[in-house]
Amino acid sequence: MGKYKIKKDDMVVVTAGNHKGATGKVLQVLTDDARVLVEKVNLVQRQVKPTGDRAGGTLEKEASIHISNVALWNVDDSRKLKAAWKLNDDGSKLRVDRKTGAPIDAA
């Protein structure tokens, strides 16, 4: 299990593979496998049986992408960004943009 600078609900861009250039929101970070699920990227089809209220048939869902193949995306500037850790005065850690020093996390 590793520590990653990409978190759930971050905007990311795919940097390698069949979906290179696609952007989306991170739905889940799978830390044990070093993979992420990105909304509307790397869609696969699965056949499901009917259960309860849900009808059976073909279901389309996201498959995971290795975390090394995605990068954080700055929507305002339309550019990739690298993250760094910065310690606040109270000792808590904050993710910041390496280029500008602006905080990534929404307070």
N, C-alpha and C. Protein backbone atom coordinates (compact mmCIF):
# COMPACT_ATOMS: atom_id res chain seq x y z
N MET A 1 0.85 -1.18 0.00
CA MET A 1 0.00 0.00 0.00
C MET A 1 0.89 1.23 0.00
N GLY A 2 0.62 2.14 -0.92
CA GLY A 2 1.44 3.32 -1.03
C GLY A 2 0.69 4.58 -0.67
N LYS A 3 1.43 5.67 -0.57
CA LYS A 3 0.83 6.99 -0.36
C LYS A 3 0.85 7.71 -1.68
N TYR A 4 -0.31 8.27 -2.04
CA TYR A 4 -0.43 8.92 -3.33
C TYR A 4 -0.94 10.33 -3.15
N LYS A 5 -0.59 11.18 -4.10
CA LYS A 5 -1.02 12.57 -4.06
C LYS A 5 -2.32 12.77 -4.82
N ILE A 6 -2.88 11.70 -5.35
CA ILE A 6 -4.17 11.76 -6.03
C ILE A 6 -5.22 11.21 -5.08
N LYS A 7 -6.31 11.97 -4.93
CA LYS A 7 -7.38 11.59 -4.01
C LYS A 7 -8.70 11.48 -4.75
N LYS A 8 -9.69 10.95 -4.05
CA LYS A 8 -11.03 10.86 -4.59
C LYS A 8 -11.55 12.28 -4.87
N ASP A 9 -12.31 12.44 -5.94
CA ASP A 9 -12.91 13.71 -6.39
C ASP A 9 -11.91 14.67 -7.02
N ASP A 10 -10.65 14.28 -7.23
CA ASP A 10 -9.69 15.12 -7.95
C ASP A 10 -9.97 15.02 -9.45
N MET A 11 -9.66 16.08 -10.18
CA MET A 11 -9.72 16.04 -11.64
C MET A 11 -8.36 15.56 -12.13
N VAL A 12 -8.37 14.56 -13.02
CA VAL A 12 -7.12 14.02 -13.54
C VAL A 12 -7.21 13.92 -15.06
N VAL A 13 -6.05 13.81 -15.69
CA VAL A 13 -5.95 13.58 -17.13
C VAL A 13 -5.15 12.31 -17.33
N VAL A 14 -5.57 11.49 -18.30
CA VAL A 14 -4.87 10.24 -18.61
C VAL A 14 -3.66 10.59 -19.48
N THR A 15 -2.48 10.14 -19.08
CA THR A 15 -1.24 10.50 -19.77
C THR A 15 -0.70 9.40 -20.67
N ALA A 16 -1.23 8.18 -20.57
CA ALA A 16 -0.72 7.08 -21.38
C ALA A 16 -1.82 6.06 -21.61
N GLY A 17 -1.70 5.32 -22.69
CA GLY A 17 -2.65 4.25 -22.97
C GLY A 17 -3.69 4.65 -24.01
N ASN A 18 -4.71 3.80 -24.16
CA ASN A 18 -5.74 4.00 -25.17
C ASN A 18 -6.58 5.24 -24.93
N HIS A 19 -6.67 5.69 -23.70
CA HIS A 19 -7.52 6.83 -23.35
C HIS A 19 -6.71 8.09 -23.07
N LYS A 20 -5.53 8.17 -23.65
CA LYS A 20 -4.64 9.30 -23.43
C LYS A 20 -5.33 10.61 -23.80
N GLY A 21 -5.25 11.60 -22.90
CA GLY A 21 -5.85 12.90 -23.13
C GLY A 21 -7.23 13.06 -22.52
N ALA A 22 -7.85 11.97 -22.09
CA ALA A 22 -9.18 12.05 -21.49
C ALA A 22 -9.08 12.58 -20.07
N THR A 23 -10.02 13.44 -19.68
CA THR A 23 -10.04 13.98 -18.33
C THR A 23 -11.30 13.52 -17.62
N GLY A 24 -11.23 13.43 -16.32
CA GLY A 24 -12.39 13.03 -15.54
C GLY A 24 -12.11 13.11 -14.06
N LYS A 25 -13.15 12.90 -13.28
CA LYS A 25 -13.06 12.95 -11.82
C LYS A 25 -12.73 11.56 -11.29
N VAL A 26 -11.88 11.50 -10.28
CA VAL A 26 -11.52 10.23 -9.66
C VAL A 26 -12.69 9.75 -8.80
N LEU A 27 -13.17 8.55 -9.11
CA LEU A 27 -14.27 7.98 -8.34
C LEU A 27 -13.76 7.20 -7.13
N GLN A 28 -12.60 6.53 -7.30
CA GLN A 28 -12.07 5.71 -6.22
C GLN A 28 -10.58 5.52 -6.44
N VAL A 29 -9.82 5.49 -5.35
CA VAL A 29 -8.38 5.19 -5.40
C VAL A 29 -8.19 3.83 -4.75
N LEU A 30 -7.67 2.88 -5.51
CA LEU A 30 -7.41 1.53 -5.02
C LEU A 30 -5.94 1.47 -4.60
N THR A 31 -5.66 1.79 -3.34
CA THR A 31 -4.28 1.95 -2.89
C THR A 31 -3.51 0.63 -2.89
N ASP A 32 -4.17 -0.49 -2.60
CA ASP A 32 -3.46 -1.77 -2.56
C ASP A 32 -2.94 -2.18 -3.94
N ASP A 33 -3.68 -1.80 -5.00
CA ASP A 33 -3.29 -2.17 -6.35
C ASP A 33 -2.65 -1.03 -7.12
N ALA A 34 -2.55 0.17 -6.54
CA ALA A 34 -1.99 1.36 -7.18
C ALA A 34 -2.77 1.71 -8.44
N ARG A 35 -4.10 1.72 -8.33
CA ARG A 35 -4.95 1.99 -9.47
C ARG A 35 -6.04 3.00 -9.08
N VAL A 36 -6.63 3.64 -10.08
CA VAL A 36 -7.71 4.60 -9.85
C VAL A 36 -8.85 4.31 -10.82
N LEU A 37 -10.07 4.65 -10.39
CA LEU A 37 -11.24 4.62 -11.26
C LEU A 37 -11.56 6.05 -11.63
N VAL A 38 -11.61 6.34 -12.95
CA VAL A 38 -11.87 7.69 -13.43
C VAL A 38 -13.22 7.69 -14.13
N GLU A 39 -14.03 8.69 -13.81
CA GLU A 39 -15.38 8.79 -14.33
C GLU A 39 -15.38 8.90 -15.86
N LYS A 40 -16.16 8.03 -16.53
CA LYS A 40 -16.36 8.02 -17.99
C LYS A 40 -15.09 7.74 -18.78
N VAL A 41 -14.08 7.10 -18.16
CA VAL A 41 -12.84 6.75 -18.85
C VAL A 41 -12.61 5.25 -18.66
N ASN A 42 -12.15 4.57 -19.71
CA ASN A 42 -11.88 3.13 -19.70
C ASN A 42 -13.14 2.34 -19.37
N LEU A 43 -14.20 2.61 -20.12
CA LEU A 43 -15.48 1.92 -19.91
C LEU A 43 -15.42 0.50 -20.45
N VAL A 44 -15.97 -0.45 -19.70
CA VAL A 44 -16.08 -1.84 -20.12
C VAL A 44 -17.54 -2.26 -19.98
N GLN A 45 -17.92 -3.29 -20.71
CA GLN A 45 -19.29 -3.79 -20.64
C GLN A 45 -19.31 -5.10 -19.87
N ARG A 46 -20.30 -5.24 -19.00
CA ARG A 46 -20.47 -6.45 -18.21
C ARG A 46 -21.91 -6.93 -18.35
N GLN A 47 -22.09 -8.23 -18.42
CA GLN A 47 -23.42 -8.82 -18.46
C GLN A 47 -23.87 -9.07 -17.03
N VAL A 48 -25.07 -8.59 -16.67
CA VAL A 48 -25.56 -8.75 -15.31
C VAL A 48 -26.92 -9.43 -15.34
N LYS A 49 -27.19 -10.20 -14.30
CA LYS A 49 -28.48 -10.86 -14.15
C LYS A 49 -29.44 -9.90 -13.44
N PRO A 50 -30.73 -10.05 -13.67
CA PRO A 50 -31.68 -9.19 -12.97
C PRO A 50 -31.72 -9.51 -11.47
N THR A 51 -31.65 -8.47 -10.66
CA THR A 51 -31.77 -8.63 -9.21
C THR A 51 -32.64 -7.52 -8.66
N GLY A 52 -33.65 -7.86 -7.91
CA GLY A 52 -34.52 -6.86 -7.30
C GLY A 52 -35.19 -5.99 -8.34
N ASP A 53 -35.01 -4.68 -8.23
CA ASP A 53 -35.62 -3.73 -9.15
C ASP A 53 -34.81 -3.55 -10.44
N ARG A 54 -33.55 -3.93 -10.42
CA ARG A 54 -32.69 -3.71 -11.58
C ARG A 54 -32.93 -4.79 -12.63
N ALA A 55 -33.09 -4.37 -13.87
CA ALA A 55 -33.25 -5.30 -14.97
C ALA A 55 -31.89 -5.87 -15.37
N GLY A 56 -31.89 -7.05 -15.95
CA GLY A 56 -30.67 -7.65 -16.41
C GLY A 56 -30.26 -7.07 -17.76
N GLY A 57 -29.09 -7.44 -18.23
CA GLY A 57 -28.63 -6.98 -19.53
C GLY A 57 -27.19 -6.52 -19.47
N THR A 58 -26.83 -5.65 -20.39
CA THR A 58 -25.47 -5.16 -20.48
C THR A 58 -25.31 -3.89 -19.64
N LEU A 59 -24.32 -3.89 -18.78
CA LEU A 59 -24.03 -2.75 -17.91
C LEU A 59 -22.67 -2.20 -18.29
N GLU A 60 -22.56 -0.88 -18.42
CA GLU A 60 -21.29 -0.25 -18.76
C GLU A 60 -20.74 0.42 -17.51
N LYS A 61 -19.50 0.10 -17.16
CA LYS A 61 -18.89 0.68 -15.96
C LYS A 61 -17.42 0.94 -16.21
N GLU A 62 -16.82 1.70 -15.29
CA GLU A 62 -15.41 2.08 -15.42
C GLU A 62 -14.51 0.95 -14.94
N ALA A 63 -13.43 0.72 -15.66
CA ALA A 63 -12.38 -0.18 -15.22
C ALA A 63 -11.22 0.67 -14.69
N SER A 64 -10.38 0.07 -13.87
CA SER A 64 -9.32 0.83 -13.24
C SER A 64 -8.17 1.11 -14.20
N ILE A 65 -7.44 2.19 -13.90
CA ILE A 65 -6.26 2.61 -14.65
C ILE A 65 -5.11 2.70 -13.64
N HIS A 66 -3.91 2.32 -14.05
CA HIS A 66 -2.78 2.43 -13.13
C HIS A 66 -2.53 3.90 -12.79
N ILE A 67 -2.19 4.14 -11.54
CA ILE A 67 -2.07 5.51 -11.05
C ILE A 67 -0.91 6.25 -11.71
N SER A 68 0.05 5.52 -12.25
CA SER A 68 1.17 6.19 -12.94
C SER A 68 0.75 6.73 -14.30
N ASN A 69 -0.41 6.31 -14.80
CA ASN A 69 -0.88 6.75 -16.11
C ASN A 69 -1.86 7.92 -16.02
N VAL A 70 -2.01 8.52 -14.85
CA VAL A 70 -2.85 9.70 -14.70
C VAL A 70 -2.06 10.80 -14.00
N ALA A 71 -2.46 12.05 -14.26
CA ALA A 71 -1.83 13.20 -13.61
C ALA A 71 -2.92 14.15 -13.16
N LEU A 72 -2.66 14.89 -12.10
CA LEU A 72 -3.62 15.89 -11.64
C LEU A 72 -3.83 16.93 -12.73
N TRP A 73 -5.05 17.45 -12.84
CA TRP A 73 -5.41 18.39 -13.90
C TRP A 73 -5.95 19.66 -13.28
N ASN A 74 -5.41 20.80 -13.71
CA ASN A 74 -5.89 22.11 -13.27
C ASN A 74 -6.91 22.58 -14.30
N VAL A 75 -8.18 22.62 -13.91
CA VAL A 75 -9.25 22.97 -14.83
C VAL A 75 -9.16 24.43 -15.25
N ASP A 76 -8.80 25.32 -14.32
CA ASP A 76 -8.76 26.75 -14.61
C ASP A 76 -7.69 27.09 -15.66
N ASP A 77 -6.50 26.49 -15.52
CA ASP A 77 -5.39 26.79 -16.44
C ASP A 77 -5.28 25.79 -17.58
N SER A 78 -6.07 24.72 -17.56
CA SER A 78 -6.02 23.63 -18.55
C SER A 78 -4.60 23.10 -18.71
N ARG A 79 -4.03 22.65 -17.59
CA ARG A 79 -2.68 22.10 -17.62
C ARG A 79 -2.53 21.02 -16.55
N LYS A 80 -1.56 20.13 -16.79
CA LYS A 80 -1.22 19.14 -15.77
C LYS A 80 -0.47 19.84 -14.66
N LEU A 81 -0.58 19.30 -13.46
CA LEU A 81 0.20 19.87 -12.37
C LEU A 81 0.80 18.78 -11.51
N LYS A 82 1.92 19.13 -10.91
CA LYS A 82 2.58 18.24 -9.96
C LYS A 82 2.26 18.73 -8.57
N ALA A 83 2.09 17.79 -7.67
CA ALA A 83 1.72 18.13 -6.30
C ALA A 83 2.92 17.94 -5.37
N ALA A 84 2.94 18.74 -4.34
CA ALA A 84 3.95 18.63 -3.28
C ALA A 84 3.23 18.76 -1.95
N TRP A 85 3.87 18.28 -0.89
CA TRP A 85 3.30 18.42 0.44
C TRP A 85 3.91 19.65 1.11
N LYS A 86 3.08 20.40 1.81
CA LYS A 86 3.54 21.55 2.57
C LYS A 86 2.95 21.45 3.96
N LEU A 87 3.76 21.74 4.97
CA LEU A 87 3.28 21.70 6.35
C LEU A 87 2.73 23.07 6.74
N ASN A 88 1.54 23.06 7.32
CA ASN A 88 0.95 24.29 7.84
C ASN A 88 1.54 24.60 9.21
N ASP A 89 1.20 25.77 9.74
CA ASP A 89 1.71 26.17 11.06
C ASP A 89 1.23 25.23 12.16
N ASP A 90 0.00 24.67 11.99
CA ASP A 90 -0.53 23.78 13.01
C ASP A 90 -0.06 22.34 12.85
N GLY A 91 0.80 22.07 11.86
CA GLY A 91 1.37 20.75 11.69
C GLY A 91 0.63 19.87 10.69
N SER A 92 -0.48 20.34 10.14
CA SER A 92 -1.21 19.53 9.17
C SER A 92 -0.58 19.67 7.78
N LYS A 93 -0.73 18.62 6.97
CA LYS A 93 -0.16 18.62 5.64
C LYS A 93 -1.18 19.13 4.63
N LEU A 94 -0.68 19.81 3.60
CA LEU A 94 -1.52 20.39 2.56
C LEU A 94 -0.86 20.12 1.21
N ARG A 95 -1.66 19.75 0.21
CA ARG A 95 -1.13 19.56 -1.13
C ARG A 95 -1.08 20.91 -1.84
N VAL A 96 0.06 21.19 -2.45
CA VAL A 96 0.22 22.45 -3.18
C VAL A 96 0.78 22.16 -4.57
N ASP A 97 0.54 23.09 -5.49
CA ASP A 97 1.07 23.02 -6.85
C ASP A 97 2.55 23.36 -6.80
N ARG A 98 3.40 22.52 -7.39
CA ARG A 98 4.85 22.77 -7.36
C ARG A 98 5.22 24.03 -8.13
N LYS A 99 4.50 24.33 -9.19
CA LYS A 99 4.85 25.47 -10.04
C LYS A 99 4.46 26.79 -9.40
N THR A 100 3.22 26.90 -8.90
CA THR A 100 2.72 28.17 -8.39
C THR A 100 2.71 28.25 -6.87
N GLY A 101 2.71 27.11 -6.18
CA GLY A 101 2.62 27.11 -4.73
C GLY A 101 1.19 27.26 -4.22
N ALA A 102 0.22 27.29 -5.13
CA ALA A 102 -1.19 27.44 -4.73
C ALA A 102 -1.69 26.11 -4.16
N PRO A 103 -2.54 26.17 -3.14
CA PRO A 103 -3.08 24.93 -2.57
C PRO A 103 -4.01 24.22 -3.55
N ILE A 104 -3.93 22.90 -3.56
CA ILE A 104 -4.79 22.09 -4.44
C ILE A 104 -6.09 21.75 -3.74
N ASP A 105 -6.02 21.45 -2.46
CA ASP A 105 -7.21 21.07 -1.71
C ASP A 105 -8.13 22.25 -1.50
N ALA A 106 -9.41 22.02 -1.71
CA ALA A 106 -10.40 23.07 -1.43
C ALA A 106 -10.65 23.08 0.08
N ALA A 107 -10.40 24.20 0.69
CA ALA A 107 -10.56 24.29 2.15
C ALA A 107 -11.97 24.29 2.48
